[in-house]
Protein backbone atom coordinates (compact mmCIF):
# COMPACT_ATOMS: atom_id res chain seq x y z
CA MET A 1 87.87 17.86 86.28
CA THR A 2 85.99 17.36 89.51
CA LEU A 3 82.25 17.65 89.81
CA ARG A 4 82.61 20.66 92.11
CA ARG A 5 84.72 22.62 89.56
CA LEU A 6 82.24 21.78 86.82
CA ALA A 7 79.39 23.08 88.98
CA LEU A 8 81.28 26.35 89.50
CA LEU A 9 81.92 26.81 85.77
CA ALA A 10 78.42 25.81 84.61
CA PRO A 11 76.80 29.29 84.98
CA PHE A 12 79.59 30.87 82.91
CA LEU A 13 79.36 28.26 80.17
CA LEU A 14 75.59 28.60 79.97
CA ALA A 15 75.82 32.39 79.86
CA ALA A 16 78.32 32.28 76.99
CA CYS A 17 76.07 29.96 74.98
CA ALA A 18 72.93 31.96 75.74
CA ARG A 19 74.41 35.23 74.43
CA GLY A 20 74.60 33.76 70.94
CA ASP A 21 78.06 35.14 70.28
CA LEU A 22 79.48 31.86 69.08
CA PRO A 23 81.31 32.30 65.77
CA GLU A 24 79.35 31.60 62.62
CA ALA A 25 80.63 29.31 59.92
CA PRO A 26 82.95 31.15 57.50
CA PRO A 27 81.52 32.01 54.08
CA PRO A 28 82.29 29.53 51.31
CA ALA A 29 85.54 30.09 49.42
CA ASP A 30 83.66 30.97 46.22
CA ALA A 31 81.42 33.57 47.88
CA ILE A 32 80.92 36.59 45.66
CA PRO A 33 80.54 40.07 47.17
CA SER A 34 77.11 41.57 46.58
CA PRO A 35 76.93 44.02 43.66
CA GLY A 36 75.47 46.53 46.13
CA LEU A 37 78.88 46.77 47.81
CA PHE A 38 80.22 48.41 44.64
CA THR A 39 77.79 51.36 44.65
CA LEU A 40 79.48 54.73 44.21
CA SER A 41 78.25 58.10 45.37
CA PRO A 42 78.23 60.87 42.76
CA GLY A 43 81.59 62.57 42.65
CA THR A 44 83.55 59.67 44.21
CA PRO A 45 87.19 60.27 43.29
CA ALA A 46 88.99 57.50 41.42
CA ASP A 47 91.94 55.80 43.14
CA GLY A 48 93.62 55.07 39.84
CA THR A 49 93.23 54.49 36.13
CA VAL A 50 93.77 51.49 33.88
CA ARG A 51 94.67 51.16 30.24
CA LEU A 52 94.23 47.78 28.51
CA THR A 53 95.38 46.60 25.11
CA LEU A 54 93.09 43.91 23.73
CA ALA A 55 93.70 41.71 20.71
CA ARG A 56 90.83 39.94 18.95
CA GLY A 57 90.93 36.20 19.60
CA SER A 58 93.26 36.46 22.60
CA ALA A 59 92.07 35.50 26.09
CA THR A 60 94.80 37.60 27.71
CA ALA A 61 95.06 41.38 27.71
CA ARG A 62 97.93 43.47 28.99
CA GLY A 63 97.49 46.70 30.83
CA THR A 64 98.86 49.33 33.16
CA LEU A 65 97.42 50.49 36.47
CA GLN A 66 98.30 54.11 37.31
CA THR A 67 97.90 55.07 40.97
CA ASN A 68 99.73 57.37 43.37
CA ALA A 69 102.10 58.53 40.61
CA GLN A 70 103.20 54.93 40.02
CA SER A 71 102.61 52.49 37.16
CA PHE A 72 101.98 48.78 37.68
CA PRO A 73 101.87 46.41 34.70
CA PHE A 74 99.25 43.67 34.84
CA THR A 75 97.61 40.98 32.76
CA ILE A 76 93.96 40.01 32.74
CA THR A 77 92.80 36.62 31.50
CA GLY A 78 89.21 35.72 30.80
CA LEU A 79 88.01 39.09 29.50
CA SER A 80 85.99 38.29 26.41
CA VAL A 81 85.85 40.37 23.27
CA GLN A 82 83.04 39.63 20.84
CA ASP A 83 83.67 38.74 17.23
CA GLY A 84 83.63 41.63 14.82
CA ALA A 85 85.92 43.66 17.05
CA PRO A 86 88.96 45.47 15.66
CA ALA A 87 92.17 43.42 15.55
CA ARG A 88 93.66 45.53 18.36
CA ALA A 89 91.95 48.01 20.66
CA THR A 90 92.81 50.09 23.70
CA VAL A 91 90.30 50.48 26.53
CA THR A 92 90.65 52.83 29.49
CA GLY A 93 88.92 52.88 32.83
CA ARG A 94 88.86 54.08 36.41
CA VAL A 95 89.65 52.13 39.59
CA PHE A 96 87.89 52.61 42.94
CA GLY A 97 88.42 51.07 46.38
CA LEU A 98 92.16 50.58 45.94
CA GLU A 99 93.91 50.86 49.31
CA ARG A 100 97.18 49.25 48.20
CA SER A 101 98.41 47.95 44.86
CA GLY A 102 98.17 44.29 45.97
CA ASP A 103 94.38 44.65 46.33
CA PHE A 104 94.16 45.07 42.55
CA ALA A 105 95.05 41.44 41.79
CA GLY A 106 92.34 38.79 41.97
CA THR A 107 89.25 37.47 40.27
CA TYR A 108 86.89 40.08 38.86
CA ARG A 109 83.23 39.49 38.10
CA ASP A 110 80.67 41.65 36.35
CA VAL A 111 78.93 43.62 39.11
CA GLY A 112 76.64 45.42 36.66
CA GLY A 113 74.50 48.13 38.11
CA VAL A 114 74.22 51.65 36.90
CA ALA A 115 77.59 53.04 35.91
CA SER A 116 78.57 56.21 37.69
CA ASP A 117 78.91 57.99 34.38
CA LEU A 118 77.43 57.29 30.98
CA GLY A 119 80.80 56.40 29.49
CA ALA A 120 81.32 53.20 31.50
CA ALA A 121 80.76 50.06 29.46
CA LEU A 122 81.60 47.33 32.00
CA ARG A 123 81.86 47.32 35.81
CA LEU A 124 84.08 44.63 37.34
CA GLY A 125 84.59 43.99 41.07
CA ASN A 126 86.91 41.66 42.98
CA ASP A 127 86.87 40.07 46.45
CA ASN A 128 88.94 42.99 47.84
CA LEU A 129 86.06 45.32 46.86
CA VAL A 130 88.12 46.97 44.13
CA LEU A 131 85.92 48.23 41.30
CA ILE A 132 87.07 48.78 37.71
CA GLU A 133 84.84 50.79 35.40
CA LEU A 134 85.98 50.25 31.84
CA ARG A 135 85.07 53.07 29.47
CA SER A 136 83.12 52.67 26.29
CA ALA A 137 85.29 50.98 23.79
CA PRO A 138 85.72 51.69 20.09
CA PRO A 139 82.64 50.90 17.95
CA GLY A 140 82.17 47.18 17.43
CA LEU A 141 83.97 46.20 20.64
CA ALA A 142 81.74 44.52 23.24
CA LEU A 143 83.45 43.36 26.45
CA GLY A 144 82.30 40.76 28.94
CA VAL A 145 83.43 38.25 31.55
CA PRO A 146 82.33 34.64 32.05
CA PRO A 147 80.44 33.70 35.24
CA GLN A 148 83.65 32.40 36.85
CA GLY A 149 85.24 35.82 36.30
CA ALA A 150 88.42 37.23 34.82
CA THR A 151 91.75 37.02 36.65
CA VAL A 152 94.07 40.01 37.12
CA THR A 153 97.74 39.33 37.89
CA LEU A 154 100.19 42.13 38.67
CA GLY A 155 103.42 42.03 36.68
CA ARG A 156 103.94 40.63 33.19
């Protein structure tokens, strides 16, 4: 490139840099959405429901997602059930933020916060901003997820 062409382009290059609109570095791959992103307004309608069957001592639970008059089987691995729980239990919940069924799969972490109703026992959110509120389970059943999360896979 000649010196004259460079001199002509210099004001444009400086203006682009001065505006500060250069792209920022992407977030790290293990970035976790803020729990504040999973806040629900009172009366927010659910996008679907889930039903899980848990077995004591098993790291994998099977369930069904019901949304838009369709049923999608799924498995979740990493959901922990404390000792002293019944041998087999069924837990239900509501799903929010579901735009398409594929958004349901992923890694879910405990996003805590105040549950939108008093019956929610555990609030889990994924990177697609899908929120699952699991209902209070049978007596003696305490649910949790490890810091690395629990993984939901559609299909069986």
